[in-house]
Protein backbone atom coordinates (compact mmCIF):
# COMPACT_ATOMS: atom_id res chain seq x y z
CA MET A 1 -49.81 12.21 -49.07
CA ASN A 2 -48.24 11.93 -52.41
CA PHE A 3 -45.41 9.68 -53.36
CA LEU A 4 -42.53 12.16 -52.77
CA GLN A 5 -43.80 12.86 -49.18
CA ILE A 6 -43.93 9.08 -48.46
CA VAL A 7 -40.37 8.71 -49.79
CA ALA A 8 -39.10 11.60 -47.72
CA ALA A 9 -40.72 10.19 -44.62
CA VAL A 10 -39.30 6.80 -45.14
CA ILE A 11 -35.78 8.21 -45.65
CA ILE A 12 -36.09 10.38 -42.49
CA LEU A 13 -37.34 7.36 -40.50
CA TYR A 14 -34.54 5.25 -41.80
CA LEU A 15 -31.91 7.90 -40.91
CA CYS A 16 -33.37 8.24 -37.32
CA ILE A 17 -33.36 4.45 -36.67
CA TYR A 18 -29.84 4.27 -38.18
CA ALA A 19 -28.56 7.02 -35.85
CA LEU A 20 -30.14 5.43 -32.79
CA ILE A 21 -28.77 1.91 -33.53
CA ASN A 22 -25.42 3.49 -34.27
CA ARG A 23 -25.44 5.34 -31.00
CA VAL A 24 -26.35 2.15 -29.06
CA CYS A 25 -23.64 0.16 -30.77
CA LYS A 26 -20.92 2.70 -29.95
CA CYS A 27 -22.06 2.72 -26.41
CA ILE A 28 -21.71 -1.01 -26.15
CA GLU A 29 -18.32 -0.86 -27.76
CA HIS A 30 -17.09 1.74 -25.30
CA CYS A 31 -18.45 -0.28 -22.35
CA ALA A 32 -16.68 -3.41 -23.60
CA THR A 33 -13.42 -1.52 -24.01
CA ALA A 34 -13.72 -0.10 -20.48
CA ARG A 35 -14.31 -3.63 -19.07
CA ALA A 36 -11.26 -4.99 -21.02
CA TYR A 37 -9.03 -2.24 -19.66
CA SER A 38 -10.33 -2.88 -16.10
CA LYS A 39 -9.48 -6.60 -16.45
CA PHE A 40 -6.01 -5.63 -17.72
CA ARG A 41 -5.45 -3.57 -14.63
CA GLU A 42 -6.80 -6.28 -12.34
CA ASN A 43 -4.27 -8.71 -13.88
CA ASP A 44 -1.29 -6.19 -13.87
CA VAL A 45 -1.05 -6.25 -17.63
CA GLN A 46 0.73 -3.25 -19.03
CA THR A 47 -1.49 -1.30 -21.55
CA LYS A 48 0.94 1.36 -22.49
CA ILE A 49 1.75 1.45 -26.24
CA ASP A 50 5.53 1.32 -25.61
CA ASN A 51 5.24 -2.02 -23.88
CA LEU A 52 2.45 -3.47 -25.96
CA ASP A 53 4.63 -5.60 -28.12
CA ALA A 54 6.41 -7.23 -25.26
CA THR A 55 3.17 -7.70 -23.43
CA VAL A 56 1.63 -9.53 -26.35
CA LYS A 57 4.64 -11.76 -26.73
CA LYS A 58 4.60 -12.61 -23.07
CA LEU A 59 0.88 -13.42 -23.04
CA ASN A 60 1.27 -15.58 -26.27
CA LYS A 61 4.11 -17.48 -24.59
CA GLU A 62 2.00 -18.07 -21.52
CA ARG A 63 -0.83 -19.31 -23.65
CA GLU A 64 1.42 -21.74 -25.50
CA ASP A 65 2.77 -23.00 -22.18
CA VAL A 66 -0.72 -23.74 -20.97
CA LYS A 67 -1.54 -25.61 -24.26
CA LYS A 68 1.65 -27.69 -23.77
CA THR A 69 0.64 -28.46 -20.17
CA ILE A 70 -2.83 -29.52 -21.18
CA SER A 71 -1.65 -31.73 -24.08
């Protein structure tokens, strides 16, 4: 094999490994998102975009109340 063939083989190998790792990472991300949404549903947290701001404020207030209680 000459130099150009080795370079081409390395580039192709790199792209294949990159594509495989990228696909695995996307799968992990999708699974984590699905788990988060299921926990939101278990805890009756609204995930609709319209109510998102109010929900975030409510959860932050609850977290601050817990911190005050602990302190």
